[in-house]
Amino acid sequence: MEKLTINKWAKEDRPREKMAELGTEALSNAELLAILIGSGSTKESAVDLMKTVLNDCHNNLNTLGKKTIRDLCTYNGIGEAKAITILAACELGKRRQQESPEERPKLNSATKIYNEMHPQMQDLDVEEFWILLLNQNHRLIKKVRISHGGITETAVDIRIIIREAVLANATILAVCHNHPSGNLTPSHADNELTKDIKRACELMRIHFMDHVIITDGQYYSYHELGKC
């Protein structure tokens, strides 16, 4: 009987496709390791090969990490390059355990938003528009520059803002842009954009926290002035 290779499996059973569709948690240890080595032997698929290796390690990843390159190369289908890849992954897992989670800044006020963004915006001679994507505890998930424009305005596509928020699983959104002129007064376009973003956030059930205008040394907060 012809051996059934991974690329002949049902799409939902292939490790890479399964991970892309369902996330890393849905994969077994053997499937995750199979992604790393890429292929098995003429007798076994990559998944079956890694099942064999793990079985010899009593299905314990710590035991796998104690193997040597020579140990792993005794398996048909594992050469030096694959053995090194497996042990490198084990070492990364060990180092991750030893590190503390990265502390994300808490941006629950206009002042904190200003302090976060001012260093990278203070010397700009054109307008930039940024979004700050936050979790429900106001911790920063990531910040994204949406546009880089002219001296007095910059184009902003609300669809891109919402897309970034959804992809990041953000529950709170704040936005900011700079006024290179130093004038804090929002323009009519600033006001209309703020209203449009708020409406879009309400539709997507994302809390729109604030729109902060930044100059070198001062800021204007729509939220603090009750305008958003």
N, C-alpha and C. Protein backbone atom coordinates (compact mmCIF):
# COMPACT_ATOMS: atom_id res chain seq x y z
N MET A 1 0.85 -1.20 0.00
CA MET A 1 0.00 0.00 0.00
C MET A 1 0.89 1.25 0.00
N GLU A 2 0.51 2.23 -0.81
CA GLU A 2 1.27 3.48 -0.88
C GLU A 2 1.16 4.25 0.43
N LYS A 3 2.31 4.73 0.91
CA LYS A 3 2.30 5.50 2.16
C LYS A 3 1.58 6.82 1.95
N LEU A 4 0.70 7.17 2.90
CA LEU A 4 -0.06 8.42 2.82
C LEU A 4 0.76 9.54 3.41
N THR A 5 1.34 10.39 2.55
CA THR A 5 2.15 11.50 3.02
C THR A 5 1.25 12.62 3.51
N ILE A 6 1.85 13.57 4.28
CA ILE A 6 1.06 14.65 4.88
C ILE A 6 0.30 15.45 3.84
N ASN A 7 0.94 15.70 2.68
CA ASN A 7 0.26 16.53 1.68
C ASN A 7 -0.92 15.83 1.03
N LYS A 8 -1.12 14.54 1.36
CA LYS A 8 -2.29 13.82 0.86
C LYS A 8 -3.37 13.69 1.92
N TRP A 9 -3.07 14.17 3.14
CA TRP A 9 -4.07 14.13 4.20
C TRP A 9 -5.18 15.12 3.91
N ALA A 10 -6.30 14.95 4.60
CA ALA A 10 -7.35 15.98 4.55
C ALA A 10 -6.76 17.29 5.05
N LYS A 11 -7.16 18.40 4.42
CA LYS A 11 -6.57 19.70 4.73
C LYS A 11 -6.62 20.01 6.21
N GLU A 12 -7.74 19.67 6.88
CA GLU A 12 -7.89 20.02 8.29
C GLU A 12 -6.99 19.19 9.20
N ASP A 13 -6.37 18.12 8.65
CA ASP A 13 -5.49 17.28 9.44
C ASP A 13 -4.01 17.61 9.25
N ARG A 14 -3.69 18.44 8.26
CA ARG A 14 -2.29 18.80 8.02
C ARG A 14 -1.86 19.81 9.09
N PRO A 15 -0.69 19.59 9.71
CA PRO A 15 -0.30 20.45 10.83
C PRO A 15 -0.28 21.94 10.53
N ARG A 16 0.32 22.36 9.40
CA ARG A 16 0.40 23.79 9.12
C ARG A 16 -0.97 24.39 8.89
N GLU A 17 -1.77 23.70 8.08
CA GLU A 17 -3.12 24.21 7.80
C GLU A 17 -3.98 24.20 9.06
N LYS A 18 -3.81 23.16 9.88
CA LYS A 18 -4.55 23.07 11.14
C LYS A 18 -4.20 24.20 12.08
N MET A 19 -2.91 24.54 12.15
CA MET A 19 -2.46 25.63 13.01
C MET A 19 -3.00 26.96 12.51
N ALA A 20 -2.96 27.17 11.20
CA ALA A 20 -3.46 28.43 10.63
C ALA A 20 -4.94 28.59 10.88
N GLU A 21 -5.67 27.49 10.85
CA GLU A 21 -7.12 27.54 10.99
C GLU A 21 -7.57 27.58 12.44
N LEU A 22 -6.92 26.80 13.31
CA LEU A 22 -7.40 26.60 14.67
C LEU A 22 -6.49 27.15 15.76
N GLY A 23 -5.26 27.54 15.39
CA GLY A 23 -4.33 28.05 16.39
C GLY A 23 -3.42 26.96 16.93
N THR A 24 -2.36 27.37 17.62
CA THR A 24 -1.35 26.43 18.10
C THR A 24 -1.91 25.45 19.13
N GLU A 25 -2.91 25.90 19.91
CA GLU A 25 -3.43 25.05 20.99
C GLU A 25 -4.08 23.78 20.46
N ALA A 26 -4.51 23.79 19.21
CA ALA A 26 -5.22 22.64 18.65
C ALA A 26 -4.27 21.53 18.22
N LEU A 27 -2.98 21.80 18.18
CA LEU A 27 -2.02 20.82 17.70
C LEU A 27 -1.39 20.03 18.84
N SER A 28 -1.11 18.77 18.58
CA SER A 28 -0.40 17.95 19.55
C SER A 28 1.09 18.30 19.50
N ASN A 29 1.84 17.81 20.48
CA ASN A 29 3.28 18.05 20.49
C ASN A 29 3.93 17.48 19.23
N ALA A 30 3.47 16.31 18.82
CA ALA A 30 4.04 15.68 17.62
C ALA A 30 3.76 16.53 16.38
N GLU A 31 2.57 17.10 16.30
CA GLU A 31 2.23 17.93 15.15
C GLU A 31 3.06 19.22 15.13
N LEU A 32 3.27 19.82 16.29
CA LEU A 32 4.09 21.03 16.36
C LEU A 32 5.53 20.73 15.94
N LEU A 33 6.06 19.62 16.41
CA LEU A 33 7.42 19.24 16.05
C LEU A 33 7.52 18.88 14.57
N ALA A 34 6.45 18.29 14.03
CA ALA A 34 6.44 17.94 12.61
C ALA A 34 6.55 19.18 11.74
N ILE A 35 5.93 20.28 12.18
CA ILE A 35 6.05 21.53 11.43
C ILE A 35 7.51 21.97 11.38
N LEU A 36 8.23 21.77 12.47
CA LEU A 36 9.63 22.19 12.53
C LEU A 36 10.52 21.37 11.59
N ILE A 37 10.33 20.06 11.56
CA ILE A 37 11.23 19.23 10.75
C ILE A 37 10.81 19.17 9.29
N GLY A 38 9.53 19.47 9.03
CA GLY A 38 9.07 19.60 7.64
C GLY A 38 8.75 18.32 6.92
N SER A 39 9.52 17.26 7.13
CA SER A 39 9.27 16.00 6.42
C SER A 39 9.73 14.84 7.29
N GLY A 40 9.22 13.68 6.98
CA GLY A 40 9.61 12.49 7.72
C GLY A 40 10.59 11.64 6.94
N SER A 41 10.31 10.35 6.89
CA SER A 41 11.16 9.42 6.14
C SER A 41 10.32 8.74 5.07
N THR A 42 10.91 7.82 4.35
CA THR A 42 10.16 7.08 3.33
C THR A 42 9.13 6.15 3.97
N LYS A 43 9.30 5.89 5.26
CA LYS A 43 8.39 4.97 5.96
C LYS A 43 7.37 5.68 6.82
N GLU A 44 7.68 6.90 7.25
CA GLU A 44 6.80 7.61 8.19
C GLU A 44 6.63 9.07 7.77
N SER A 45 5.45 9.59 8.02
CA SER A 45 5.25 11.03 7.85
C SER A 45 6.00 11.76 8.96
N ALA A 46 6.10 13.07 8.84
CA ALA A 46 6.78 13.86 9.87
C ALA A 46 6.07 13.71 11.21
N VAL A 47 4.73 13.67 11.19
CA VAL A 47 3.97 13.53 12.44
C VAL A 47 4.23 12.18 13.08
N ASP A 48 4.17 11.12 12.28
CA ASP A 48 4.40 9.78 12.82
C ASP A 48 5.83 9.62 13.34
N LEU A 49 6.77 10.24 12.63
CA LEU A 49 8.16 10.18 13.08
C LEU A 49 8.31 10.84 14.44
N MET A 50 7.68 12.01 14.61
CA MET A 50 7.80 12.70 15.89
C MET A 50 7.01 12.00 16.99
N LYS A 51 5.95 11.29 16.62
CA LYS A 51 5.25 10.46 17.61
C LYS A 51 6.17 9.37 18.13
N THR A 52 6.95 8.78 17.23
CA THR A 52 7.89 7.74 17.62
C THR A 52 8.96 8.29 18.56
N VAL A 53 9.51 9.44 18.20
CA VAL A 53 10.53 10.08 19.04
C VAL A 53 9.97 10.41 20.42
N LEU A 54 8.78 11.02 20.43
CA LEU A 54 8.17 11.41 21.71
C LEU A 54 7.82 10.18 22.56
N ASN A 55 7.39 9.11 21.91
CA ASN A 55 7.08 7.89 22.65
C ASN A 55 8.32 7.37 23.37
N ASP A 56 9.47 7.47 22.70
CA ASP A 56 10.71 7.04 23.33
C ASP A 56 11.14 7.98 24.45
N CYS A 57 10.56 9.17 24.47
CA CYS A 57 10.83 10.16 25.54
C CYS A 57 9.71 10.16 26.57
N HIS A 58 8.86 9.10 26.53
CA HIS A 58 7.72 8.98 27.44
C HIS A 58 6.79 10.20 27.30
N ASN A 59 6.74 10.74 26.08
CA ASN A 59 5.89 11.90 25.75
C ASN A 59 6.17 13.10 26.67
N ASN A 60 7.42 13.26 27.00
CA ASN A 60 7.83 14.35 27.89
C ASN A 60 8.81 15.25 27.13
N LEU A 61 8.43 16.52 26.98
CA LEU A 61 9.27 17.45 26.22
C LEU A 61 10.58 17.76 26.93
N ASN A 62 10.57 17.72 28.27
CA ASN A 62 11.82 17.93 29.01
C ASN A 62 12.82 16.82 28.70
N THR A 63 12.30 15.61 28.59
CA THR A 63 13.18 14.49 28.24
C THR A 63 13.70 14.65 26.82
N LEU A 64 12.84 15.10 25.91
CA LEU A 64 13.27 15.35 24.54
C LEU A 64 14.40 16.38 24.50
N GLY A 65 14.28 17.42 25.31
CA GLY A 65 15.29 18.47 25.33
C GLY A 65 16.64 18.02 25.83
N LYS A 66 16.68 16.88 26.52
CA LYS A 66 17.94 16.35 27.04
C LYS A 66 18.65 15.44 26.02
N LYS A 67 17.97 15.15 24.92
CA LYS A 67 18.60 14.35 23.88
C LYS A 67 19.74 15.13 23.23
N THR A 68 20.68 14.40 22.68
CA THR A 68 21.77 15.02 21.95
C THR A 68 21.47 14.96 20.45
N ILE A 69 22.25 15.71 19.70
CA ILE A 69 22.10 15.65 18.24
C ILE A 69 22.31 14.21 17.76
N ARG A 70 23.32 13.56 18.33
CA ARG A 70 23.60 12.17 17.93
C ARG A 70 22.44 11.26 18.25
N ASP A 71 21.80 11.46 19.42
CA ASP A 71 20.64 10.64 19.79
C ASP A 71 19.54 10.75 18.74
N LEU A 72 19.23 11.97 18.35
CA LEU A 72 18.12 12.20 17.43
C LEU A 72 18.44 11.70 16.03
N CYS A 73 19.70 11.74 15.66
CA CYS A 73 20.09 11.30 14.32
C CYS A 73 20.01 9.79 14.15
N THR A 74 19.76 9.06 15.23
CA THR A 74 19.60 7.60 15.10
C THR A 74 18.25 7.24 14.50
N TYR A 75 17.34 8.21 14.45
CA TYR A 75 16.01 7.95 13.88
C TYR A 75 16.05 8.14 12.37
N ASN A 76 15.49 7.20 11.65
CA ASN A 76 15.42 7.28 10.20
C ASN A 76 14.54 8.47 9.81
N GLY A 77 15.12 9.42 9.11
CA GLY A 77 14.37 10.61 8.71
C GLY A 77 14.82 11.86 9.44
N ILE A 78 15.67 11.69 10.46
CA ILE A 78 16.20 12.86 11.18
C ILE A 78 17.71 12.93 10.95
N GLY A 79 18.12 14.00 10.27
CA GLY A 79 19.54 14.27 10.09
C GLY A 79 19.98 15.35 11.05
N GLU A 80 21.20 15.80 10.89
CA GLU A 80 21.76 16.78 11.81
C GLU A 80 20.94 18.08 11.82
N ALA A 81 20.54 18.56 10.64
CA ALA A 81 19.80 19.83 10.55
C ALA A 81 18.47 19.74 11.32
N LYS A 82 17.74 18.63 11.14
CA LYS A 82 16.47 18.46 11.85
C LYS A 82 16.69 18.32 13.35
N ALA A 83 17.73 17.59 13.72
CA ALA A 83 18.02 17.41 15.15
C ALA A 83 18.32 18.75 15.81
N ILE A 84 19.11 19.56 15.12
CA ILE A 84 19.45 20.89 15.66
C ILE A 84 18.20 21.75 15.79
N THR A 85 17.30 21.67 14.80
CA THR A 85 16.05 22.44 14.84
C THR A 85 15.20 22.04 16.04
N ILE A 86 15.09 20.75 16.28
CA ILE A 86 14.29 20.25 17.41
C ILE A 86 14.87 20.74 18.74
N LEU A 87 16.17 20.62 18.89
CA LEU A 87 16.80 21.01 20.16
C LEU A 87 16.81 22.52 20.35
N ALA A 88 16.89 23.25 19.24
CA ALA A 88 16.80 24.71 19.34
C ALA A 88 15.42 25.13 19.84
N ALA A 89 14.38 24.45 19.35
CA ALA A 89 13.02 24.75 19.80
C ALA A 89 12.86 24.43 21.28
N CYS A 90 13.42 23.32 21.72
CA CYS A 90 13.36 22.96 23.14
C CYS A 90 14.06 24.01 24.00
N GLU A 91 15.20 24.49 23.52
CA GLU A 91 15.95 25.51 24.27
C GLU A 91 15.17 26.81 24.35
N LEU A 92 14.52 27.20 23.26
CA LEU A 92 13.69 28.42 23.28
C LEU A 92 12.55 28.29 24.29
N GLY A 93 11.94 27.09 24.33
CA GLY A 93 10.87 26.87 25.30
C GLY A 93 11.37 27.01 26.72
N LYS A 94 12.57 26.49 26.98
CA LYS A 94 13.16 26.60 28.33
C LYS A 94 13.45 28.06 28.67
N ARG A 95 13.99 28.80 27.71
CA ARG A 95 14.32 30.21 27.97
C ARG A 95 13.06 31.04 28.17
N ARG A 96 12.01 30.70 27.45
CA ARG A 96 10.75 31.44 27.62
C ARG A 96 10.22 31.28 29.05
N GLN A 97 10.33 30.07 29.59
CA GLN A 97 9.87 29.82 30.95
C GLN A 97 10.62 30.68 31.96
N GLN A 98 11.87 31.00 31.65
CA GLN A 98 12.71 31.74 32.59
C GLN A 98 12.48 33.24 32.54
N GLU A 99 11.76 33.71 31.52
CA GLU A 99 11.55 35.14 31.37
C GLU A 99 10.19 35.57 31.92
N SER A 100 10.14 36.79 32.42
CA SER A 100 8.88 37.35 32.91
C SER A 100 8.09 37.92 31.73
N PRO A 101 6.76 37.89 31.82
CA PRO A 101 5.96 38.47 30.75
C PRO A 101 6.28 39.95 30.57
N GLU A 102 6.26 40.39 29.33
CA GLU A 102 6.52 41.80 29.05
C GLU A 102 5.43 42.67 29.67
N GLU A 103 5.84 43.71 30.37
CA GLU A 103 4.89 44.62 31.00
C GLU A 103 4.40 45.63 29.97
N ARG A 104 3.13 45.57 29.67
CA ARG A 104 2.56 46.49 28.70
C ARG A 104 2.12 47.77 29.41
N PRO A 105 2.42 48.92 28.84
CA PRO A 105 2.01 50.17 29.50
C PRO A 105 0.50 50.28 29.61
N LYS A 106 0.06 50.85 30.72
CA LYS A 106 -1.37 51.08 30.93
C LYS A 106 -1.69 52.50 30.51
N LEU A 107 -2.54 52.63 29.50
CA LEU A 107 -2.86 53.94 28.94
C LEU A 107 -4.33 54.26 29.19
N ASN A 108 -4.62 54.62 30.42
CA ASN A 108 -6.01 54.87 30.81
C ASN A 108 -6.33 56.35 30.99
N SER A 109 -5.49 57.21 30.44
CA SER A 109 -5.74 58.65 30.50
C SER A 109 -5.05 59.33 29.33
N ALA A 110 -5.50 60.55 29.04
CA ALA A 110 -4.88 61.32 27.96
C ALA A 110 -3.43 61.64 28.28
N THR A 111 -3.14 61.89 29.56
CA THR A 111 -1.76 62.19 29.95
C THR A 111 -0.84 61.03 29.66
N LYS A 112 -1.30 59.81 29.94
CA LYS A 112 -0.47 58.63 29.69
C LYS A 112 -0.30 58.40 28.19
N ILE A 113 -1.35 58.68 27.42
CA ILE A 113 -1.23 58.57 25.97
C ILE A 113 -0.21 59.58 25.46
N TYR A 114 -0.29 60.78 25.96
CA TYR A 114 0.66 61.82 25.57
C TYR A 114 2.09 61.41 25.91
N ASN A 115 2.30 60.91 27.12
CA ASN A 115 3.64 60.51 27.54
C ASN A 115 4.18 59.35 26.70
N GLU A 116 3.29 58.48 26.25
CA GLU A 116 3.69 57.35 25.41
C GLU A 116 4.07 57.80 24.01
N MET A 117 3.32 58.74 23.45
CA MET A 117 3.48 59.10 22.05
C MET A 117 4.35 60.33 21.80
N HIS A 118 4.46 61.21 22.77
CA HIS A 118 5.20 62.46 22.56
C HIS A 118 6.65 62.26 22.11
N PRO A 119 7.40 61.31 22.69
CA PRO A 119 8.80 61.16 22.28
C PRO A 119 8.99 60.89 20.79
N GLN A 120 8.07 60.16 20.18
CA GLN A 120 8.25 59.86 18.76
C GLN A 120 7.53 60.83 17.83
N MET A 121 6.80 61.78 18.41
CA MET A 121 6.07 62.74 17.58
C MET A 121 6.55 64.18 17.75
N GLN A 122 7.36 64.43 18.76
CA GLN A 122 7.68 65.82 19.11
C GLN A 122 8.47 66.56 18.03
N ASP A 123 9.26 65.84 17.25
CA ASP A 123 10.10 66.52 16.26
C ASP A 123 9.59 66.37 14.83
N LEU A 124 8.41 65.83 14.65
CA LEU A 124 7.87 65.64 13.30
C LEU A 124 7.51 66.98 12.67
N ASP A 125 7.82 67.13 11.38
CA ASP A 125 7.43 68.35 10.68
C ASP A 125 6.23 68.14 9.77
N VAL A 126 5.65 66.93 9.82
CA VAL A 126 4.39 66.63 9.12
C VAL A 126 3.47 65.90 10.08
N GLU A 127 2.20 65.85 9.75
CA GLU A 127 1.24 65.17 10.61
C GLU A 127 1.33 63.66 10.44
N GLU A 128 1.20 62.97 11.55
CA GLU A 128 1.06 61.51 11.56
C GLU A 128 -0.16 61.16 12.41
N PHE A 129 -0.85 60.11 12.00
CA PHE A 129 -2.03 59.66 12.74
C PHE A 129 -1.76 58.24 13.22
N TRP A 130 -1.91 58.03 14.53
CA TRP A 130 -1.64 56.73 15.16
C TRP A 130 -2.88 56.22 15.87
N ILE A 131 -2.99 54.89 15.93
CA ILE A 131 -4.02 54.28 16.75
C ILE A 131 -3.34 53.47 17.86
N LEU A 132 -3.96 53.47 19.03
CA LEU A 132 -3.48 52.71 20.18
C LEU A 132 -4.52 51.65 20.49
N LEU A 133 -4.14 50.40 20.34
CA LEU A 133 -5.06 49.28 20.54
C LEU A 133 -4.85 48.72 21.94
N LEU A 134 -5.91 48.70 22.73
CA LEU A 134 -5.80 48.35 24.15
C LEU A 134 -6.70 47.16 24.48
N ASN A 135 -6.33 46.43 25.54
CA ASN A 135 -7.22 45.38 26.04
C ASN A 135 -8.19 45.99 27.05
N GLN A 136 -8.99 45.16 27.66
CA GLN A 136 -10.05 45.68 28.54
C GLN A 136 -9.49 46.32 29.82
N ASN A 137 -8.21 46.07 30.11
CA ASN A 137 -7.57 46.70 31.26
C ASN A 137 -6.75 47.91 30.87
N HIS A 138 -6.98 48.43 29.67
CA HIS A 138 -6.26 49.58 29.14
C HIS A 138 -4.77 49.32 28.94
N ARG A 139 -4.38 48.06 28.85
CA ARG A 139 -3.00 47.73 28.56
C ARG A 139 -2.78 47.77 27.04
N LEU A 140 -1.66 48.35 26.64
CA LEU A 140 -1.38 48.50 25.21
C LEU A 140 -1.08 47.16 24.56
N ILE A 141 -1.86 46.83 23.53
CA ILE A 141 -1.58 45.65 22.71
C ILE A 141 -0.54 46.01 21.66
N LYS A 142 -0.82 47.07 20.93
CA LYS A 142 0.15 47.60 19.99
C LYS A 142 -0.30 48.96 19.51
N LYS A 143 0.64 49.72 18.95
CA LYS A 143 0.31 51.01 18.36
C LYS A 143 0.68 50.96 16.89
N VAL A 144 -0.16 51.57 16.06
CA VAL A 144 0.00 51.47 14.61
C VAL A 144 -0.10 52.85 13.99
N ARG A 145 0.86 53.19 13.16
CA ARG A 145 0.77 54.43 12.41
C ARG A 145 -0.12 54.20 11.19
N ILE A 146 -1.20 54.94 11.12
CA ILE A 146 -2.17 54.77 10.05
C ILE A 146 -1.82 55.63 8.84
N SER A 147 -1.29 56.81 9.09
CA SER A 147 -0.97 57.68 7.96
C SER A 147 0.15 58.65 8.31
N HIS A 148 0.83 59.09 7.27
CA HIS A 148 1.94 60.04 7.38
C HIS A 148 1.69 61.07 6.28
N GLY A 149 1.39 62.31 6.67
CA GLY A 149 0.88 63.24 5.69
C GLY A 149 1.57 64.57 5.59
N GLY A 150 0.76 65.60 5.34
CA GLY A 150 1.29 66.93 5.10
C GLY A 150 1.48 67.74 6.36
N ILE A 151 1.67 69.03 6.18
CA ILE A 151 1.94 69.93 7.29
C ILE A 151 0.67 70.21 8.10
N THR A 152 -0.47 70.26 7.41
CA THR A 152 -1.70 70.65 8.09
C THR A 152 -2.74 69.54 8.19
N GLU A 153 -2.55 68.43 7.48
CA GLU A 153 -3.52 67.34 7.57
C GLU A 153 -2.91 66.05 7.06
N THR A 154 -3.57 64.94 7.36
CA THR A 154 -3.15 63.63 6.87
C THR A 154 -4.40 62.79 6.65
N ALA A 155 -4.37 61.98 5.60
CA ALA A 155 -5.55 61.18 5.24
C ALA A 155 -5.67 59.97 6.16
N VAL A 156 -6.90 59.72 6.60
CA VAL A 156 -7.15 58.59 7.51
C VAL A 156 -8.32 57.77 6.98
N ASP A 157 -8.11 56.46 6.84
CA ASP A 157 -9.16 55.55 6.39
C ASP A 157 -9.70 54.81 7.61
N ILE A 158 -10.95 55.07 7.95
CA ILE A 158 -11.54 54.46 9.15
C ILE A 158 -11.62 52.95 9.02
N ARG A 159 -11.77 52.45 7.81
CA ARG A 159 -11.82 50.99 7.62
C ARG A 159 -10.53 50.33 8.08
N ILE A 160 -9.40 50.98 7.85
CA ILE A 160 -8.11 50.44 8.28
C ILE A 160 -8.03 50.44 9.81
N ILE A 161 -8.53 51.51 10.43
CA ILE A 161 -8.52 51.59 11.89
C ILE A 161 -9.29 50.43 12.50
N ILE A 162 -10.49 50.21 12.01
CA ILE A 162 -11.34 49.14 12.56
C ILE A 162 -10.74 47.77 12.26
N ARG A 163 -10.19 47.61 11.07
CA ARG A 163 -9.57 46.32 10.73
C ARG A 163 -8.44 46.00 11.69
N GLU A 164 -7.58 46.98 11.96
CA GLU A 164 -6.45 46.75 12.88
C GLU A 164 -6.94 46.41 14.28
N ALA A 165 -8.00 47.08 14.72
CA ALA A 165 -8.54 46.82 16.06
C ALA A 165 -9.10 45.41 16.16
N VAL A 166 -9.82 45.00 15.13
CA VAL A 166 -10.42 43.65 15.13
C VAL A 166 -9.34 42.58 15.08
N LEU A 167 -8.34 42.76 14.22
CA LEU A 167 -7.28 41.77 14.09
C LEU A 167 -6.47 41.63 15.38
N ALA A 168 -6.37 42.71 16.14
CA ALA A 168 -5.60 42.68 17.40
C ALA A 168 -6.47 42.27 18.59
N ASN A 169 -7.74 42.00 18.35
CA ASN A 169 -8.68 41.68 19.43
C ASN A 169 -8.74 42.78 20.48
N ALA A 170 -8.61 44.01 20.03
CA ALA A 170 -8.67 45.15 20.95
C ALA A 170 -10.11 45.41 21.37
N THR A 171 -10.30 45.75 22.63
CA THR A 171 -11.63 46.11 23.12
C THR A 171 -11.75 47.61 23.37
N ILE A 172 -10.60 48.28 23.41
CA ILE A 172 -10.56 49.73 23.62
C ILE A 172 -9.65 50.35 22.55
N LEU A 173 -10.07 51.48 22.02
CA LEU A 173 -9.29 52.15 20.98
C LEU A 173 -9.09 53.62 21.34
N ALA A 174 -7.86 54.08 21.22
CA ALA A 174 -7.57 55.51 21.32
C ALA A 174 -6.80 55.91 20.06
N VAL A 175 -6.94 57.14 19.66
CA VAL A 175 -6.21 57.62 18.49
C VAL A 175 -5.50 58.92 18.85
N CYS A 176 -4.47 59.24 18.10
CA CYS A 176 -3.78 60.50 18.33
C CYS A 176 -3.11 60.96 17.04
N HIS A 177 -2.93 62.25 16.94
CA HIS A 177 -2.13 62.80 15.85
C HIS A 177 -1.47 64.07 16.34
N ASN A 178 -0.48 64.53 15.61
CA ASN A 178 0.27 65.71 16.02
C ASN A 178 -0.10 66.92 15.17
N HIS A 179 0.12 68.09 15.72
CA HIS A 179 0.01 69.35 15.00
C HIS A 179 1.40 69.98 14.95
N PRO A 180 2.12 69.84 13.85
CA PRO A 180 3.48 70.40 13.78
C PRO A 180 3.53 71.91 14.02
N SER A 181 2.43 72.60 13.76
CA SER A 181 2.40 74.05 13.94
C SER A 181 2.45 74.45 15.40
N GLY A 182 2.11 73.52 16.29
CA GLY A 182 2.06 73.83 17.71
C GLY A 182 0.69 74.33 18.16
N ASN A 183 -0.22 74.52 17.23
CA ASN A 183 -1.57 74.98 17.54
C ASN A 183 -2.43 73.79 17.97
N LEU A 184 -2.92 73.81 19.19
CA LEU A 184 -3.70 72.68 19.71
C LEU A 184 -5.14 72.65 19.22
N THR A 185 -5.64 73.73 18.68
CA THR A 185 -7.05 73.80 18.31
C THR A 185 -7.37 72.78 17.22
N PRO A 186 -8.34 71.89 17.46
CA PRO A 186 -8.69 70.90 16.44
C PRO A 186 -9.37 71.57 15.25
N SER A 187 -9.13 71.02 14.07
CA SER A 187 -9.76 71.54 12.87
C SER A 187 -11.15 70.93 12.73
N HIS A 188 -11.92 71.48 11.78
CA HIS A 188 -13.23 70.90 11.49
C HIS A 188 -13.07 69.44 11.05
N ALA A 189 -12.02 69.16 10.26
CA ALA A 189 -11.77 67.78 9.81
C ALA A 189 -11.45 66.87 10.99
N ASP A 190 -10.71 67.39 11.98
CA ASP A 190 -10.42 66.60 13.19
C ASP A 190 -11.71 66.24 13.92
N ASN A 191 -12.60 67.19 14.03
CA ASN A 191 -13.86 66.95 14.73
C ASN A 191 -14.72 65.92 14.00
N GLU A 192 -14.80 66.05 12.69
CA GLU A 192 -15.62 65.12 11.91
C GLU A 192 -15.02 63.71 11.94
N LEU A 193 -13.70 63.63 11.87
CA LEU A 193 -13.04 62.33 11.93
C LEU A 193 -13.31 61.66 13.27
N THR A 194 -13.25 62.43 14.34
CA THR A 194 -13.50 61.88 15.68
C THR A 194 -14.91 61.30 15.77
N LYS A 195 -15.88 62.03 15.23
CA LYS A 195 -17.26 61.54 15.23
C LYS A 195 -17.39 60.26 14.42
N ASP A 196 -16.73 60.21 13.28
CA ASP A 196 -16.82 59.02 12.42
C ASP A 196 -16.18 57.80 13.08
N ILE A 197 -15.05 58.01 13.74
CA ILE A 197 -14.39 56.89 14.42
C ILE A 197 -15.27 56.38 15.56
N LYS A 198 -15.87 57.31 16.30
CA LYS A 198 -16.74 56.91 17.41
C LYS A 198 -17.92 56.09 16.91
N ARG A 199 -18.52 56.51 15.81
CA ARG A 199 -19.65 55.76 15.25
C ARG A 199 -19.22 54.36 14.80
N ALA A 200 -18.06 54.29 14.15
CA ALA A 200 -17.57 53.00 13.69
C ALA A 200 -17.28 52.07 14.87
N CYS A 201 -16.71 52.62 15.94
CA CYS A 201 -16.42 51.81 17.12
C CYS A 201 -17.70 51.31 17.79
N GLU A 202 -18.70 52.16 17.85
CA GLU A 202 -19.97 51.76 18.44
C GLU A 202 -20.58 50.61 17.66
N LEU A 203 -20.46 50.66 16.35
CA LEU A 203 -21.00 49.60 15.50
C LEU A 203 -20.29 48.28 15.76
N MET A 204 -18.98 48.34 16.02
CA MET A 204 -18.18 47.13 16.23
C MET A 204 -18.04 46.76 17.71
N ARG A 205 -18.73 47.50 18.58
CA ARG A 205 -18.71 47.25 20.02
C ARG A 205 -17.30 47.35 20.59
N ILE A 206 -16.57 48.36 20.11
CA ILE A 206 -15.24 48.70 20.62
C ILE A 206 -15.37 50.04 21.35
N HIS A 207 -14.82 50.12 22.53
CA HIS A 207 -14.91 51.37 23.29
C HIS A 207 -13.91 52.39 22.73
N PHE A 208 -14.42 53.52 22.27
CA PHE A 208 -13.56 54.60 21.77
C PHE A 208 -13.20 55.49 22.94
N MET A 209 -11.95 55.41 23.37
CA MET A 209 -11.53 56.07 24.60
C MET A 209 -11.25 57.56 24.42
N ASP A 210 -10.48 57.91 23.39
CA ASP A 210 -10.06 59.30 23.27
C ASP A 210 -9.40 59.56 21.92
N HIS A 211 -9.40 60.82 21.55
CA HIS A 211 -8.60 61.32 20.43
C HIS A 211 -7.74 62.44 21.01
N VAL A 212 -6.44 62.22 20.97
CA VAL A 212 -5.50 63.16 21.59
C VAL A 212 -4.68 63.84 20.49
N ILE A 213 -4.69 65.16 20.53
CA ILE A 213 -3.85 65.95 19.61
C ILE A 213 -2.59 66.35 20.37
N ILE A 214 -1.44 66.08 19.77
CA ILE A 214 -0.17 66.27 20.46
C ILE A 214 0.66 67.38 19.80
N THR A 215 1.17 68.28 20.63
CA THR A 215 2.20 69.22 20.19
C THR A 215 3.39 69.04 21.12
N ASP A 216 4.45 69.77 20.88
CA ASP A 216 5.64 69.62 21.72
C ASP A 216 5.45 70.35 23.04
N GLY A 217 4.94 69.59 24.04
CA GLY A 217 4.77 70.17 25.36
C GLY A 217 3.33 70.25 25.84
N GLN A 218 2.36 70.03 24.94
CA GLN A 218 0.94 70.12 25.32
C GLN A 218 0.13 69.07 24.56
N TYR A 219 -1.09 68.87 25.05
CA TYR A 219 -2.00 68.00 24.31
C TYR A 219 -3.43 68.51 24.44
N TYR A 220 -4.25 68.07 23.50
CA TYR A 220 -5.69 68.35 23.50
C TYR A 220 -6.40 67.01 23.55
N SER A 221 -7.30 66.83 24.52
CA SER A 221 -8.01 65.58 24.69
C SER A 221 -9.50 65.78 24.46
N TYR A 222 -10.04 65.10 23.47
CA TYR A 222 -11.48 65.15 23.23
C TYR A 222 -12.24 64.59 24.43
N HIS A 223 -11.70 63.53 25.03
CA HIS A 223 -12.40 62.91 26.15
C HIS A 223 -12.44 63.83 27.36
N GLU A 224 -11.32 64.43 27.69
CA GLU A 224 -11.28 65.30 28.87
C GLU A 224 -12.21 66.50 28.72
N LEU A 225 -12.44 66.92 27.50
CA LEU A 225 -13.34 68.06 27.26
C LEU A 225 -14.76 67.62 26.94
N GLY A 226 -15.03 66.31 27.11
CA GLY A 226 -16.39 65.80 26.92
C GLY A 226 -16.86 65.82 25.47
N LYS A 227 -15.93 65.69 24.54
CA LYS A 227 -16.30 65.77 23.12
C LYS A 227 -16.19 64.43 22.40
N CYS A 228 -16.02 63.37 23.14
CA CYS A 228 -16.08 62.05 22.51
C CYS A 228 -16.54 60.99 23.52
